[in-house]
Amino acid sequence: IEATYGLPMYNFPTPKEAEKKLIAFVEEVLDRKKVPTLYANQMGKAQELLKILDIHGYSARVSNSIRKVAKVYEKFGLKFNNIGKDGEVVIRGFKTKKPFDAIHPSELFVSGFGNLKLSNHADFWELVKIIEKVRPEKIYTRYGYAREFAQILRGLGYDARPLEEVLFFGELI
């Protein structure tokens, strides 16, 4: 199981709560006569933000790479009616982002690690729920907090180990 957010401190809001926080942020920044700038993964998360903004009537300026991915989505029927050169909100990819500690009050870093928690990954508690539902005999954790998550799962009575540890000792080969 992927353990990107395999620590209890990773407890995400529901998507609806994250959406409300996003729109509140956009409105607050616009009220200050500033431009809200969102930093997000260019493939997937940026398009999710575009759709949320579109639903709430906000237009967005995006990078060429985000626009290209949006065109692929449109080929499969998901339309973005809010992309334009004069967009009220700017969406940029992570690669253009300053270090996290240099974030400006009109900027929002959208990720499970960001200041707006909106992720396609399961948070810690969702991971635990999945495991409780599936009740696997063995669990191999991968990425992020693999070692820590495996230790927590062992404490809950599961046979869990980080995949790197298993591969290193050749158990799966």
C-alpha atoms as a PDB file:
ATOM      1  CA  ILE A   1       0.000   0.000   0.000  1.00  0.00           C
ATOM      2  CA  GLU A   2       1.291   3.438  -0.847  1.00  0.00           C
ATOM      3  CA  ALA A   3       2.223   5.293   2.348  1.00  0.00           C
ATOM      4  CA  THR A   4       2.834   8.799   1.021  1.00  0.00           C
ATOM      5  CA  TYR A   5       0.737  10.120   3.911  1.00  0.00           C
ATOM      6  CA  GLY A   6       1.355   7.247   6.309  1.00  0.00           C
ATOM      7  CA  LEU A   7       1.494   9.275   9.529  1.00  0.00           C
ATOM      8  CA  PRO A   8      -1.488  10.300  11.725  1.00  0.00           C
ATOM      9  CA  MET A   9      -0.686  13.986  11.206  1.00  0.00           C
ATOM     10  CA  TYR A  10      -1.965  13.593   7.621  1.00  0.00           C
ATOM     11  CA  ASN A  11      -5.695  13.971   8.168  1.00  0.00           C
ATOM     12  CA  PHE A  12      -7.281  15.650   5.140  1.00  0.00           C
ATOM     13  CA  PRO A  13     -10.541  17.562   4.977  1.00  0.00           C
ATOM     14  CA  THR A  14     -13.289  16.143   2.796  1.00  0.00           C
ATOM     15  CA  PRO A  15     -13.128  17.287  -0.839  1.00  0.00           C
ATOM     16  CA  LYS A  16     -16.185  19.503  -0.187  1.00  0.00           C
ATOM     17  CA  GLU A  17     -14.467  21.136   2.822  1.00  0.00           C
ATOM     18  CA  ALA A  18     -11.307  21.695   0.747  1.00  0.00           C
ATOM     19  CA  GLU A  19     -13.439  23.236  -2.017  1.00  0.00           C
ATOM     20  CA  LYS A  20     -15.029  25.646   0.483  1.00  0.00           C
ATOM     21  CA  LYS A  21     -11.582  26.635   1.785  1.00  0.00           C
ATOM     22  CA  LEU A  22     -10.342  27.177  -1.773  1.00  0.00           C
ATOM     23  CA  ILE A  23     -13.241  29.431  -2.727  1.00  0.00           C
ATOM     24  CA  ALA A  24     -12.994  31.356   0.565  1.00  0.00           C
ATOM     25  CA  PHE A  25      -9.289  31.915  -0.147  1.00  0.00           C
ATOM     26  CA  VAL A  26      -9.957  33.094  -3.718  1.00  0.00           C
ATOM     27  CA  GLU A  27     -12.687  35.495  -2.568  1.00  0.00           C
ATOM     28  CA  GLU A  28     -10.547  36.873   0.275  1.00  0.00           C
ATOM     29  CA  VAL A  29      -7.563  37.520  -2.015  1.00  0.00           C
ATOM     30  CA  LEU A  30      -9.740  39.107  -4.710  1.00  0.00           C
ATOM     31  CA  ASP A  31     -11.362  41.321  -2.047  1.00  0.00           C
ATOM     32  CA  ARG A  32      -7.849  42.617  -1.269  1.00  0.00           C
ATOM     33  CA  LYS A  33      -7.479  43.463  -4.991  1.00  0.00           C
ATOM     34  CA  LYS A  34      -4.732  40.852  -5.374  1.00  0.00           C
ATOM     35  CA  VAL A  35      -4.449  37.897  -7.758  1.00  0.00           C
ATOM     36  CA  PRO A  36      -4.931  34.483  -6.142  1.00  0.00           C
ATOM     37  CA  THR A  37      -2.166  32.136  -7.304  1.00  0.00           C
ATOM     38  CA  LEU A  38      -2.556  28.392  -6.885  1.00  0.00           C
ATOM     39  CA  TYR A  39       0.357  25.967  -7.180  1.00  0.00           C
ATOM     40  CA  ALA A  40      -0.616  22.412  -8.051  1.00  0.00           C
ATOM     41  CA  ASN A  41       0.471  19.295  -9.880  1.00  0.00           C
ATOM     42  CA  GLN A  42       0.178  20.158 -13.570  1.00  0.00           C
ATOM     43  CA  MET A  43      -1.582  16.930 -14.490  1.00  0.00           C
ATOM     44  CA  GLY A  44      -4.740  16.163 -12.565  1.00  0.00           C
ATOM     45  CA  LYS A  45      -4.769  18.509  -9.608  1.00  0.00           C
ATOM     46  CA  ALA A  46      -4.596  21.673 -11.768  1.00  0.00           C
ATOM     47  CA  GLN A  47      -7.576  20.462 -13.822  1.00  0.00           C
ATOM     48  CA  GLU A  48      -9.496  19.636 -10.643  1.00  0.00           C
ATOM     49  CA  LEU A  49      -8.882  23.214  -9.477  1.00  0.00           C
ATOM     50  CA  LEU A  50      -9.993  24.551 -12.864  1.00  0.00           C
ATOM     51  CA  LYS A  51     -13.255  22.633 -12.585  1.00  0.00           C
ATOM     52  CA  ILE A  52     -13.924  23.838  -9.030  1.00  0.00           C
ATOM     53  CA  LEU A  53     -13.232  27.428 -10.063  1.00  0.00           C
ATOM     54  CA  ASP A  54     -15.449  27.010 -13.145  1.00  0.00           C
ATOM     55  CA  ILE A  55     -18.357  25.735 -11.029  1.00  0.00           C
ATOM     56  CA  HIS A  56     -18.024  28.825  -8.830  1.00  0.00           C
ATOM     57  CA  GLY A  57     -17.782  31.229 -11.774  1.00  0.00           C
ATOM     58  CA  TYR A  58     -14.070  32.066 -11.675  1.00  0.00           C
ATOM     59  CA  SER A  59     -11.823  32.236 -14.719  1.00  0.00           C
ATOM     60  CA  ALA A  60      -8.186  31.159 -14.608  1.00  0.00           C
ATOM     61  CA  ARG A  61      -4.877  31.854 -16.297  1.00  0.00           C
ATOM     62  CA  VAL A  62      -2.813  28.708 -16.657  1.00  0.00           C
ATOM     63  CA  SER A  63       0.581  27.670 -17.975  1.00  0.00           C
ATOM     64  CA  ASN A  64       0.887  26.051 -21.403  1.00  0.00           C
ATOM     65  CA  SER A  65       1.528  22.649 -19.836  1.00  0.00           C
ATOM     66  CA  ILE A  66      -1.652  22.868 -17.733  1.00  0.00           C
ATOM     67  CA  ARG A  67      -3.596  24.031 -20.811  1.00  0.00           C
ATOM     68  CA  LYS A  68      -2.254  21.072 -22.852  1.00  0.00           C
ATOM     69  CA  VAL A  69      -3.404  18.587 -20.223  1.00  0.00           C
ATOM     70  CA  ALA A  70      -6.808  20.313 -20.067  1.00  0.00           C
ATOM     71  CA  LYS A  71      -7.155  19.812 -23.844  1.00  0.00           C
ATOM     72  CA  VAL A  72      -6.666  16.066 -23.338  1.00  0.00           C
ATOM     73  CA  TYR A  73      -9.446  16.074 -20.719  1.00  0.00           C
ATOM     74  CA  GLU A  74     -11.656  17.954 -23.191  1.00  0.00           C
ATOM     75  CA  LYS A  75     -11.116  15.234 -25.818  1.00  0.00           C
ATOM     76  CA  PHE A  76     -12.761  12.872 -23.336  1.00  0.00           C
ATOM     77  CA  GLY A  77     -15.720  15.139 -22.625  1.00  0.00           C
ATOM     78  CA  LEU A  78     -14.653  17.229 -19.622  1.00  0.00           C
ATOM     79  CA  LYS A  79     -14.966  20.881 -20.638  1.00  0.00           C
ATOM     80  CA  PHE A  80     -13.168  23.830 -19.054  1.00  0.00           C
ATOM     81  CA  ASN A  81     -15.031  27.038 -19.876  1.00  0.00           C
ATOM     82  CA  ASN A  82     -12.911  29.240 -17.656  1.00  0.00           C
ATOM     83  CA  ILE A  83      -9.392  29.229 -19.137  1.00  0.00           C
ATOM     84  CA  GLY A  84      -8.362  32.620 -20.455  1.00  0.00           C
ATOM     85  CA  LYS A  85      -5.603  35.211 -20.662  1.00  0.00           C
ATOM     86  CA  ASP A  86      -7.514  37.536 -18.342  1.00  0.00           C
ATOM     87  CA  GLY A  87      -8.363  34.943 -15.691  1.00  0.00           C
ATOM     88  CA  GLU A  88      -8.983  36.155 -12.157  1.00  0.00           C
ATOM     89  CA  VAL A  89      -7.008  33.252 -10.668  1.00  0.00           C
ATOM     90  CA  VAL A  90      -3.570  31.992 -11.714  1.00  0.00           C
ATOM     91  CA  ILE A  91      -2.774  28.273 -11.595  1.00  0.00           C
ATOM     92  CA  ARG A  92       0.866  27.242 -11.868  1.00  0.00           C
ATOM     93  CA  GLY A  93       2.711  23.965 -11.651  1.00  0.00           C
ATOM     94  CA  PHE A  94       4.988  23.046  -8.752  1.00  0.00           C
ATOM     95  CA  LYS A  95       8.145  23.396 -10.803  1.00  0.00           C
ATOM     96  CA  THR A  96       7.667  27.168 -10.815  1.00  0.00           C
ATOM     97  CA  LYS A  97       7.075  27.324  -7.057  1.00  0.00           C
ATOM     98  CA  LYS A  98       9.295  28.994  -4.509  1.00  0.00           C
ATOM     99  CA  PRO A  99      10.256  27.089  -1.343  1.00  0.00           C
ATOM    100  CA  PHE A 100       7.271  26.411   0.940  1.00  0.00           C
ATOM    101  CA  ASP A 101       8.431  28.924   3.551  1.00  0.00           C
ATOM    102  CA  ALA A 102       8.468  31.727   0.956  1.00  0.00           C
ATOM    103  CA  ILE A 103       4.748  31.510   0.195  1.00  0.00           C
ATOM    104  CA  HIS A 104       2.937  34.856  -0.125  1.00  0.00           C
ATOM    105  CA  PRO A 105      -0.517  35.544   1.433  1.00  0.00           C
ATOM    106  CA  SER A 106      -2.063  35.554  -2.059  1.00  0.00           C
ATOM    107  CA  GLU A 107      -0.575  32.125  -2.914  1.00  0.00           C
ATOM    108  CA  LEU A 108      -1.875  28.684  -2.093  1.00  0.00           C
ATOM    109  CA  PHE A 109       0.069  25.443  -2.388  1.00  0.00           C
ATOM    110  CA  VAL A 110      -2.501  22.714  -3.175  1.00  0.00           C
ATOM    111  CA  SER A 111      -1.360  19.226  -2.188  1.00  0.00           C
ATOM    112  CA  GLY A 112      -1.495  16.822   0.727  1.00  0.00           C
ATOM    113  CA  PHE A 113       1.727  18.513   1.812  1.00  0.00           C
ATOM    114  CA  GLY A 114       0.482  22.031   1.008  1.00  0.00           C
ATOM    115  CA  ASN A 115      -1.425  24.694   2.870  1.00  0.00           C
ATOM    116  CA  LEU A 116      -4.634  23.534   1.167  1.00  0.00           C
ATOM    117  CA  LYS A 117      -4.937  19.806   1.703  1.00  0.00           C
ATOM    118  CA  LEU A 118      -6.423  18.450  -1.505  1.00  0.00           C
ATOM    119  CA  SER A 119      -4.894  15.189  -2.632  1.00  0.00           C
ATOM    120  CA  ASN A 120      -5.789  12.205  -4.765  1.00  0.00           C
ATOM    121  CA  HIS A 121      -3.881  10.042  -2.291  1.00  0.00           C
ATOM    122  CA  ALA A 122      -5.475   8.563   0.808  1.00  0.00           C
ATOM    123  CA  ASP A 123      -4.619  10.264   4.082  1.00  0.00           C
ATOM    124  CA  PHE A 124      -3.449   8.245   7.093  1.00  0.00           C
ATOM    125  CA  TRP A 125      -6.917   7.473   8.406  1.00  0.00           C
ATOM    126  CA  GLU A 126      -8.207   6.462   4.969  1.00  0.00           C
ATOM    127  CA  LEU A 127      -5.244   4.093   4.616  1.00  0.00           C
ATOM    128  CA  VAL A 128      -6.088   2.498   7.961  1.00  0.00           C
ATOM    129  CA  LYS A 129      -9.773   2.146   6.948  1.00  0.00           C
ATOM    130  CA  ILE A 130      -8.758   0.434   3.695  1.00  0.00           C
ATOM    131  CA  ILE A 131      -6.599  -2.046   5.575  1.00  0.00           C
ATOM    132  CA  GLU A 132      -9.318  -2.702   8.173  1.00  0.00           C
ATOM    133  CA  LYS A 133     -11.797  -3.381   5.369  1.00  0.00           C
ATOM    134  CA  VAL A 134      -9.510  -5.622   3.288  1.00  0.00           C
ATOM    135  CA  ARG A 135      -7.814  -7.375   6.255  1.00  0.00           C
ATOM    136  CA  PRO A 136      -4.792  -8.563   4.232  1.00  0.00           C
ATOM    137  CA  GLU A 137      -2.520 -11.329   5.505  1.00  0.00           C
ATOM    138  CA  LYS A 138       0.599  -9.337   4.586  1.00  0.00           C
ATOM    139  CA  ILE A 139       1.098  -5.659   3.914  1.00  0.00           C
ATOM    140  CA  TYR A 140       3.991  -4.113   2.040  1.00  0.00           C
ATOM    141  CA  THR A 141       4.237  -0.354   2.417  1.00  0.00           C
ATOM    142  CA  ARG A 142       5.789   1.844  -0.262  1.00  0.00           C
ATOM    143  CA  TYR A 143       6.836   5.494  -0.665  1.00  0.00           C
ATOM    144  CA  GLY A 144       6.584   8.396   1.742  1.00  0.00           C
ATOM    145  CA  TYR A 145       6.413   7.115   5.297  1.00  0.00           C
ATOM    146  CA  ALA A 146       6.651   3.424   4.411  1.00  0.00           C
ATOM    147  CA  ARG A 147       8.811   2.450   7.398  1.00  0.00           C
ATOM    148  CA  GLU A 148       6.756   4.414   9.932  1.00  0.00           C
ATOM    149  CA  PHE A 149       3.424   3.243   8.535  1.00  0.00           C
ATOM    150  CA  ALA A 150       4.528  -0.395   8.603  1.00  0.00           C
ATOM    151  CA  GLN A 151       5.548   0.019  12.249  1.00  0.00           C
ATOM    152  CA  ILE A 152       2.156   1.530  13.109  1.00  0.00           C
ATOM    153  CA  LEU A 153       0.395  -1.332  11.313  1.00  0.00           C
ATOM    154  CA  ARG A 154       2.470  -3.908  13.201  1.00  0.00           C
ATOM    155  CA  GLY A 155       1.335  -2.168  16.394  1.00  0.00           C
ATOM    156  CA  LEU A 156      -2.241  -2.738  15.222  1.00  0.00           C
ATOM    157  CA  GLY A 157      -1.517  -6.454  14.791  1.00  0.00           C
ATOM    158  CA  TYR A 158      -0.818  -6.635  11.050  1.00  0.00           C
ATOM    159  CA  ASP A 159       2.116  -8.348   9.355  1.00  0.00           C
ATOM    160  CA  ALA A 160       3.499  -5.218   7.695  1.00  0.00           C
ATOM    161  CA  ARG A 161       6.913  -4.288   6.342  1.00  0.00           C
ATOM    162  CA  PRO A 162       8.294  -1.620   4.048  1.00  0.00           C
ATOM    163  CA  LEU A 163       8.733  -3.017   0.549  1.00  0.00           C
ATOM    164  CA  GLU A 164      12.340  -1.772   0.374  1.00  0.00           C
ATOM    165  CA  GLU A 165      13.216  -3.907   3.392  1.00  0.00           C
ATOM    166  CA  VAL A 166      11.645  -6.986   1.832  1.00  0.00           C
ATOM    167  CA  LEU A 167      13.297  -6.427  -1.548  1.00  0.00           C
ATOM    168  CA  PHE A 168      16.675  -5.827   0.089  1.00  0.00           C
ATOM    169  CA  PHE A 169      16.548  -9.205   1.825  1.00  0.00           C
ATOM    170  CA  GLY A 170      15.257 -10.915  -1.318  1.00  0.00           C
ATOM    171  CA  GLU A 171      12.047 -12.326   0.131  1.00  0.00           C
ATOM    172  CA  LEU A 172       9.972 -11.516  -2.958  1.00  0.00           C
ATOM    173  CA  ILE A 173      12.519 -12.683  -5.505  1.00  0.00           C
END
